[in-house]
Amino acid sequence: AGQKLTIKAEGMYQLEDDPAWQSTAEGVTITYHRGRPLGRLIACVVPSSIPDQRYLPKLEIHSTGESSEWVAPATGWLLFKVNDRPDSLHNNRGDLEVSVKPAGR
């Protein structure tokens, strides 16, 4: 919690079959899902300590794109995902390499 991170991502991947949309971590601004460009790299921290084990707290989604700095909101697991509709994940293919470092290094 509170650690400032530098996140960098590079690569190219296909999001759809028809039409075949190529994307980078910035996403494609032709269409959006949940207010962010389709294909944009997003991240969140799942807290390692959850007071009420029955419920996962609402996760803070961070839109990272190809390069960003972000302060981790909690101690836990840093998860990444390409922003896409759940019913469209089956046709995604390609590569994306993500690096995470403490800011300033």
C-alpha atoms as a PDB file:
ATOM      1  CA  ALA A   1       0.000   0.000   0.000  1.00  0.00           C
ATOM      2  CA  GLY A   2       1.228   3.448  -0.903  1.00  0.00           C
ATOM      3  CA  GLN A   3       4.107   2.276  -3.091  1.00  0.00           C
ATOM      4  CA  LYS A   4       4.475   4.251  -6.313  1.00  0.00           C
ATOM      5  CA  LEU A   5       4.880   1.937  -9.310  1.00  0.00           C
ATOM      6  CA  THR A   6       6.021   2.483 -12.876  1.00  0.00           C
ATOM      7  CA  ILE A   7       4.181   0.222 -15.316  1.00  0.00           C
ATOM      8  CA  LYS A   8       5.268  -0.229 -18.926  1.00  0.00           C
ATOM      9  CA  ALA A   9       3.693  -2.489 -21.533  1.00  0.00           C
ATOM     10  CA  GLU A  10       4.509  -3.296 -25.129  1.00  0.00           C
ATOM     11  CA  GLY A  11       3.157  -5.697 -27.661  1.00  0.00           C
ATOM     12  CA  MET A  12       0.438  -6.164 -30.249  1.00  0.00           C
ATOM     13  CA  TYR A  13      -2.655  -8.320 -30.116  1.00  0.00           C
ATOM     14  CA  GLN A  14      -5.881  -8.905 -31.995  1.00  0.00           C
ATOM     15  CA  LEU A  15      -9.179  -8.249 -30.221  1.00  0.00           C
ATOM     16  CA  GLU A  16     -11.833  -9.306 -32.701  1.00  0.00           C
ATOM     17  CA  ASP A  17     -12.134 -11.645 -35.683  1.00  0.00           C
ATOM     18  CA  ASP A  18     -14.601  -9.655 -37.773  1.00  0.00           C
ATOM     19  CA  PRO A  19     -13.399  -6.990 -38.132  1.00  0.00           C
ATOM     20  CA  ALA A  20      -9.850  -7.919 -37.044  1.00  0.00           C
ATOM     21  CA  TRP A  21      -8.855  -5.096 -34.692  1.00  0.00           C
ATOM     22  CA  GLN A  22      -5.175  -4.832 -33.833  1.00  0.00           C
ATOM     23  CA  SER A  23      -4.372  -3.165 -30.522  1.00  0.00           C
ATOM     24  CA  THR A  24      -1.526  -2.136 -28.265  1.00  0.00           C
ATOM     25  CA  ALA A  25      -1.811  -1.568 -24.515  1.00  0.00           C
ATOM     26  CA  GLU A  26      -3.354   1.842 -25.303  1.00  0.00           C
ATOM     27  CA  GLY A  27      -6.446   0.142 -26.737  1.00  0.00           C
ATOM     28  CA  VAL A  28      -8.575   1.082 -29.721  1.00  0.00           C
ATOM     29  CA  THR A  29     -10.822   4.107 -29.445  1.00  0.00           C
ATOM     30  CA  ILE A  30     -13.289   2.808 -32.014  1.00  0.00           C
ATOM     31  CA  THR A  31     -15.290   1.197 -29.243  1.00  0.00           C
ATOM     32  CA  TYR A  32     -15.295   1.184 -25.448  1.00  0.00           C
ATOM     33  CA  HIS A  33     -16.074  -1.246 -22.650  1.00  0.00           C
ATOM     34  CA  ARG A  34     -16.924   0.139 -19.207  1.00  0.00           C
ATOM     35  CA  GLY A  35     -15.758   3.614 -20.199  1.00  0.00           C
ATOM     36  CA  ARG A  36     -12.274   2.582 -21.376  1.00  0.00           C
ATOM     37  CA  PRO A  37     -10.962   1.852 -24.874  1.00  0.00           C
ATOM     38  CA  LEU A  38     -11.341  -1.758 -25.913  1.00  0.00           C
ATOM     39  CA  GLY A  39      -7.973  -3.523 -25.588  1.00  0.00           C
ATOM     40  CA  ARG A  40      -6.485  -1.028 -23.105  1.00  0.00           C
ATOM     41  CA  LEU A  41      -4.334  -2.574 -20.375  1.00  0.00           C
ATOM     42  CA  ILE A  42      -5.964  -2.211 -16.959  1.00  0.00           C
ATOM     43  CA  ALA A  43      -4.801  -3.234 -13.483  1.00  0.00           C
ATOM     44  CA  CYS A  44      -6.046  -3.607  -9.937  1.00  0.00           C
ATOM     45  CA  VAL A  45      -4.741  -4.727  -6.563  1.00  0.00           C
ATOM     46  CA  VAL A  46      -6.599  -7.514  -4.784  1.00  0.00           C
ATOM     47  CA  PRO A  47      -5.904  -6.889  -1.066  1.00  0.00           C
ATOM     48  CA  SER A  48      -4.062  -9.655   0.785  1.00  0.00           C
ATOM     49  CA  SER A  49      -5.934  -8.781   3.975  1.00  0.00           C
ATOM     50  CA  ILE A  50      -9.711  -8.668   3.764  1.00  0.00           C
ATOM     51  CA  PRO A  51     -11.552  -7.907   7.040  1.00  0.00           C
ATOM     52  CA  ASP A  52     -14.766  -9.697   6.048  1.00  0.00           C
ATOM     53  CA  GLN A  53     -13.657 -12.900   4.296  1.00  0.00           C
ATOM     54  CA  ARG A  54     -17.134 -13.388   2.848  1.00  0.00           C
ATOM     55  CA  TYR A  55     -16.879 -10.354   0.558  1.00  0.00           C
ATOM     56  CA  LEU A  56     -14.171  -8.998  -1.710  1.00  0.00           C
ATOM     57  CA  PRO A  57     -14.043  -5.198  -1.428  1.00  0.00           C
ATOM     58  CA  LYS A  58     -14.757  -3.127  -4.525  1.00  0.00           C
ATOM     59  CA  LEU A  59     -11.576  -3.124  -6.602  1.00  0.00           C
ATOM     60  CA  GLU A  60     -10.047   0.125  -7.837  1.00  0.00           C
ATOM     61  CA  ILE A  61      -9.365  -0.336 -11.565  1.00  0.00           C
ATOM     62  CA  HIS A  62      -6.418   1.634 -12.948  1.00  0.00           C
ATOM     63  CA  SER A  63      -6.104   2.280 -16.677  1.00  0.00           C
ATOM     64  CA  THR A  64      -2.378   1.779 -17.326  1.00  0.00           C
ATOM     65  CA  GLY A  65      -2.019   1.748 -21.116  1.00  0.00           C
ATOM     66  CA  GLU A  66       1.558   1.586 -22.428  1.00  0.00           C
ATOM     67  CA  SER A  67       3.110   3.624 -19.622  1.00  0.00           C
ATOM     68  CA  SER A  68       1.893   4.975 -16.307  1.00  0.00           C
ATOM     69  CA  GLU A  69       2.796   5.657 -12.711  1.00  0.00           C
ATOM     70  CA  TRP A  70       0.390   4.517 -10.044  1.00  0.00           C
ATOM     71  CA  VAL A  71       0.267   4.411  -6.265  1.00  0.00           C
ATOM     72  CA  ALA A  72      -0.862   0.982  -5.049  1.00  0.00           C
ATOM     73  CA  PRO A  73      -4.048   1.472  -3.008  1.00  0.00           C
ATOM     74  CA  ALA A  74      -3.521  -1.658  -0.889  1.00  0.00           C
ATOM     75  CA  THR A  75      -1.028  -4.407  -0.093  1.00  0.00           C
ATOM     76  CA  GLY A  76      -1.856  -7.456  -2.166  1.00  0.00           C
ATOM     77  CA  TRP A  77      -1.719  -9.055  -5.597  1.00  0.00           C
ATOM     78  CA  LEU A  78      -1.330  -6.836  -8.657  1.00  0.00           C
ATOM     79  CA  LEU A  79      -3.487  -8.183 -11.489  1.00  0.00           C
ATOM     80  CA  PHE A  80      -3.551  -7.090 -15.140  1.00  0.00           C
ATOM     81  CA  LYS A  81      -6.174  -7.563 -17.828  1.00  0.00           C
ATOM     82  CA  VAL A  82      -6.813  -6.386 -21.357  1.00  0.00           C
ATOM     83  CA  ASN A  83     -10.073  -4.439 -21.312  1.00  0.00           C
ATOM     84  CA  ASP A  84     -12.606  -6.467 -23.294  1.00  0.00           C
ATOM     85  CA  ARG A  85     -16.181  -7.668 -22.987  1.00  0.00           C
ATOM     86  CA  PRO A  86     -16.424 -11.039 -21.169  1.00  0.00           C
ATOM     87  CA  ASP A  87     -18.182 -12.618 -24.158  1.00  0.00           C
ATOM     88  CA  SER A  88     -15.339 -11.575 -26.512  1.00  0.00           C
ATOM     89  CA  LEU A  89     -12.276 -12.978 -24.720  1.00  0.00           C
ATOM     90  CA  HIS A  90     -12.243 -16.194 -26.771  1.00  0.00           C
ATOM     91  CA  ASN A  91     -10.993 -14.480 -29.942  1.00  0.00           C
ATOM     92  CA  ASN A  92      -8.097 -12.481 -28.429  1.00  0.00           C
ATOM     93  CA  ARG A  93      -4.597 -13.474 -29.511  1.00  0.00           C
ATOM     94  CA  GLY A  94      -1.146 -11.961 -29.498  1.00  0.00           C
ATOM     95  CA  ASP A  95       1.487 -10.900 -26.985  1.00  0.00           C
ATOM     96  CA  LEU A  96       1.812  -8.226 -24.346  1.00  0.00           C
ATOM     97  CA  GLU A  97       4.850  -7.838 -22.108  1.00  0.00           C
ATOM     98  CA  VAL A  98       4.349  -5.874 -18.882  1.00  0.00           C
ATOM     99  CA  SER A  99       7.076  -4.642 -16.524  1.00  0.00           C
ATOM    100  CA  VAL A 100       6.471  -3.260 -13.051  1.00  0.00           C
ATOM    101  CA  LYS A 101       9.130  -1.392 -11.072  1.00  0.00           C
ATOM    102  CA  PRO A 102       9.158   0.922  -8.092  1.00  0.00           C
ATOM    103  CA  ALA A 103       8.912   4.484  -9.453  1.00  0.00           C
ATOM    104  CA  GLY A 104      12.230   6.223  -9.934  1.00  0.00           C
ATOM    105  CA  ARG A 105      14.199   3.099 -10.862  1.00  0.00           C
END
